[in-house]
Amino acid sequence: MNTLAELRTHFLLSNNPQQRVVNTKGISLRSAAVLMAFSETPDGVELLLTLRPDHLKAHPGQIAFPGGKPEPQDSSMVHTALREAWEEVALAPEQVEVLGVLPLHNTLTGFSITPVVGIIDKPFTPSLDAQEVSESFTVPLSFLMAHEHRHTLWLPRSNHLIPITFIPYQQRLIWGATAAIIDTLCRQLSKN
């Protein structure tokens, strides 16, 4: 998929994949939403990611999507994802064409994440909120779609095997929920 039009078509024509089952029995889950924002560059379609600052209590120094927990004024989880993208990287909601959502992604850290898939349809230069984001960068969708770049390890935890997905990219390691959500989208898109 080299263009946003191709991404849009593949996403809209694909069937949603099955939700990844993670045994969260006994874990109180809090809702959150993230925005998987794609843009078109001369090199093809790219996915926007952020790096969380080291001073944060939750997931410091990890690669993530713009996103977070809902606030009372949010009308939906889509609204939450768009609001968080505006707050974190100054991506205005009107610059995003929402294509839809992926199945909920539950984590052992206590979140039930709604991944919102959208395309940035106007030129965009991130402006970062240093309290929430230390850096932003993009990864080519063509790189992410190559199955050999997405890895899953099964690790024991509380008498269960749990999948940990990771994606090495340049000098970075995308892992955990972010990598698992990327993998879910890539598996959905590759069905066409």
Protein backbone atom coordinates (compact mmCIF):
# COMPACT_ATOMS: atom_id res chain seq x y z
CA MET A 1 0.00 0.00 0.00
CA ASN A 2 1.78 3.05 -1.27
CA THR A 3 -1.06 5.56 -1.06
CA LEU A 4 -3.67 6.61 1.48
CA ALA A 5 -6.35 5.70 -1.09
CA GLU A 6 -5.05 2.12 -1.15
CA LEU A 7 -4.94 2.01 2.65
CA ARG A 8 -8.50 3.35 2.86
CA THR A 9 -9.78 0.77 0.36
CA HIS A 10 -7.99 -2.18 1.98
CA PHE A 11 -9.15 -1.18 5.46
CA LEU A 12 -12.76 -0.61 4.48
CA LEU A 13 -12.97 -3.88 2.51
CA SER A 14 -11.25 -6.05 5.10
CA ASN A 15 -12.92 -8.05 7.83
CA ASN A 16 -12.05 -7.20 11.40
CA PRO A 17 -9.61 -9.69 12.87
CA GLN A 18 -10.43 -11.59 16.01
CA GLN A 19 -9.67 -9.80 19.25
CA ARG A 20 -6.41 -10.96 20.80
CA VAL A 21 -7.32 -12.87 23.91
CA VAL A 22 -5.27 -11.91 26.94
CA ASN A 23 -6.24 -13.44 30.27
CA THR A 24 -7.08 -10.35 32.32
CA LYS A 25 -9.09 -12.23 34.95
CA GLY A 26 -8.81 -10.37 38.24
CA ILE A 27 -7.44 -7.22 36.57
CA SER A 28 -9.60 -4.11 36.68
CA LEU A 29 -9.52 -2.68 33.15
CA ARG A 30 -9.59 1.06 32.45
CA SER A 31 -10.69 2.33 29.05
CA ALA A 32 -8.27 4.12 26.75
CA ALA A 33 -8.12 5.02 23.07
CA VAL A 34 -5.21 5.49 20.67
CA LEU A 35 -4.96 6.99 17.21
CA MET A 36 -3.19 5.07 14.47
CA ALA A 37 -2.60 8.09 12.20
CA PHE A 38 -1.28 7.44 8.69
CA SER A 39 0.13 10.04 6.30
CA GLU A 40 1.36 9.90 2.72
CA THR A 41 4.94 10.84 1.90
CA PRO A 42 6.95 10.63 -1.34
CA ASP A 43 8.19 7.26 -0.01
CA GLY A 44 4.70 5.88 0.66
CA VAL A 45 2.30 5.61 3.59
CA GLU A 46 3.77 6.08 7.09
CA LEU A 47 2.43 5.58 10.62
CA LEU A 48 2.89 8.27 13.28
CA LEU A 49 4.35 7.08 16.59
CA THR A 50 5.54 8.86 19.71
CA LEU A 51 8.13 8.26 22.40
CA ARG A 52 6.92 8.66 25.97
CA PRO A 53 9.16 10.79 28.22
CA ASP A 54 11.21 9.11 30.93
CA HIS A 55 9.52 11.16 33.70
CA LEU A 56 6.10 9.52 33.21
CA LYS A 57 5.00 6.94 35.78
CA ALA A 58 3.26 4.69 33.24
CA HIS A 59 5.32 3.19 30.43
CA PRO A 60 8.21 5.71 30.50
CA GLY A 61 10.51 5.69 27.48
CA GLN A 62 8.21 3.43 25.45
CA ILE A 63 7.01 3.92 21.90
CA ALA A 64 3.29 4.57 21.70
CA PHE A 65 0.45 5.98 19.66
CA PRO A 66 -1.06 9.32 20.59
CA GLY A 67 -3.80 8.41 23.04
CA GLY A 68 -4.99 8.10 26.59
CA LYS A 69 -7.95 7.74 28.93
CA PRO A 70 -11.37 9.26 28.21
CA GLU A 71 -12.46 12.48 29.86
CA PRO A 72 -16.06 13.35 30.79
CA GLN A 73 -16.49 15.65 27.79
CA ASP A 74 -15.51 12.92 25.29
CA SER A 75 -18.56 11.73 23.35
CA SER A 76 -16.90 8.46 22.25
CA MET A 77 -13.61 6.59 22.26
CA VAL A 78 -12.97 7.98 18.77
CA HIS A 79 -13.32 11.46 20.26
CA THR A 80 -10.88 10.47 23.03
CA ALA A 81 -8.25 9.34 20.50
CA LEU A 82 -8.64 12.53 18.44
CA ARG A 83 -8.51 14.78 21.52
CA GLU A 84 -5.39 13.05 22.82
CA ALA A 85 -3.67 13.39 19.42
CA TRP A 86 -4.46 17.11 19.49
CA GLU A 87 -3.09 17.47 23.03
CA GLU A 88 0.05 15.38 22.49
CA VAL A 89 1.22 16.25 18.96
CA ALA A 90 -1.14 19.08 17.83
CA LEU A 91 -2.86 16.93 15.20
CA ALA A 92 -6.19 18.71 14.76
CA PRO A 93 -9.26 16.44 14.65
CA GLU A 94 -10.39 18.05 11.38
CA GLN A 95 -7.12 16.88 9.77
CA VAL A 96 -8.00 13.23 10.41
CA GLU A 97 -10.34 11.07 8.35
CA VAL A 98 -11.39 8.28 10.71
CA LEU A 99 -11.63 4.97 8.86
CA GLY A 100 -12.84 2.91 11.81
CA VAL A 101 -11.68 1.01 14.87
CA LEU A 102 -9.95 -2.28 15.52
CA PRO A 103 -11.13 -4.76 18.18
CA LEU A 104 -10.45 -3.83 21.78
CA HIS A 105 -6.94 -4.65 22.95
CA ASN A 106 -6.81 -5.63 26.64
CA THR A 107 -3.50 -5.48 28.48
CA LEU A 108 -2.05 -7.04 31.60
CA THR A 109 -1.25 -3.51 32.77
CA GLY A 110 -4.99 -2.90 33.16
CA PHE A 111 -6.14 -1.15 30.00
CA SER A 112 -8.84 -1.92 27.47
CA ILE A 113 -7.62 0.03 24.43
CA THR A 114 -9.74 1.11 21.48
CA PRO A 115 -7.43 1.52 18.46
CA VAL A 116 -8.81 4.18 16.09
CA VAL A 117 -7.50 4.05 12.51
CA GLY A 118 -7.31 7.33 10.61
CA ILE A 119 -5.53 9.11 7.82
CA ILE A 120 -4.04 12.57 7.95
CA ASP A 121 -5.45 14.23 4.86
CA LYS A 122 -3.66 17.59 5.12
CA PRO A 123 0.00 18.53 5.58
CA PHE A 124 0.95 18.09 9.23
CA THR A 125 4.01 18.94 11.30
CA PRO A 126 3.87 17.65 14.89
CA SER A 127 4.19 20.10 17.75
CA LEU A 128 4.90 18.06 20.88
CA ASP A 129 3.61 18.51 24.42
CA ALA A 130 6.86 17.84 26.28
CA GLN A 131 4.96 16.62 29.35
CA GLU A 132 3.48 13.72 27.36
CA VAL A 133 5.76 13.17 24.35
CA SER A 134 9.53 13.42 24.07
CA GLU A 135 9.72 12.64 20.35
CA SER A 136 7.59 11.72 17.35
CA PHE A 137 8.56 9.78 14.24
CA THR A 138 7.01 7.76 11.44
CA VAL A 139 7.45 4.18 10.26
CA PRO A 140 6.68 3.10 6.68
CA LEU A 141 3.57 0.93 6.44
CA SER A 142 5.44 -1.23 3.90
CA PHE A 143 8.00 -2.06 6.62
CA LEU A 144 5.28 -2.90 9.14
CA MET A 145 3.35 -5.03 6.65
CA ALA A 146 6.37 -7.29 6.04
CA HIS A 147 5.58 -10.25 8.32
CA GLU A 148 9.27 -10.90 9.01
CA HIS A 149 9.52 -7.55 10.83
CA ARG A 150 6.82 -8.43 13.38
CA HIS A 151 7.80 -10.94 16.07
CA THR A 152 5.88 -12.55 18.93
CA LEU A 153 7.37 -14.28 21.95
CA TRP A 154 5.23 -16.37 24.29
CA LEU A 155 6.27 -15.82 27.89
CA PRO A 156 4.93 -17.48 31.05
CA ARG A 157 2.98 -15.36 33.50
CA SER A 158 0.71 -16.65 36.27
CA ASN A 159 0.57 -20.17 34.80
CA HIS A 160 -0.38 -18.84 31.36
CA LEU A 161 1.60 -18.13 28.23
CA ILE A 162 1.15 -14.54 27.07
CA PRO A 163 2.14 -13.11 23.70
CA ILE A 164 4.60 -10.20 23.64
CA THR A 165 4.87 -8.63 20.19
CA PHE A 166 7.85 -6.56 19.15
CA ILE A 167 9.01 -4.79 16.00
CA PRO A 168 12.65 -3.70 15.72
CA TYR A 169 12.88 -0.59 13.53
CA GLN A 170 16.18 1.17 12.92
CA GLN A 171 17.58 1.88 16.40
CA ARG A 172 14.18 1.55 18.08
CA LEU A 173 12.11 -1.26 19.56
CA ILE A 174 8.35 -1.04 19.21
CA TRP A 175 6.85 -3.57 21.61
CA GLY A 176 3.94 -4.46 23.87
CA ALA A 177 0.46 -3.12 23.16
CA THR A 178 1.69 -0.75 20.44
CA ALA A 179 3.35 -3.56 18.48
CA ALA A 180 0.42 -5.93 19.07
CA ILE A 181 -2.07 -3.35 17.74
CA ILE A 182 0.14 -2.74 14.69
CA ASP A 183 0.27 -6.51 14.13
CA THR A 184 -3.53 -6.75 14.35
CA LEU A 185 -3.95 -4.04 11.71
CA CYS A 186 -1.32 -5.57 9.43
CA ARG A 187 -2.96 -8.99 9.63
CA GLN A 188 -6.32 -7.40 8.79
CA LEU A 189 -4.90 -5.48 5.82
CA SER A 190 -3.01 -8.49 4.46
CA LYS A 191 -6.21 -10.52 4.09
CA ASN A 192 -7.01 -8.63 0.87
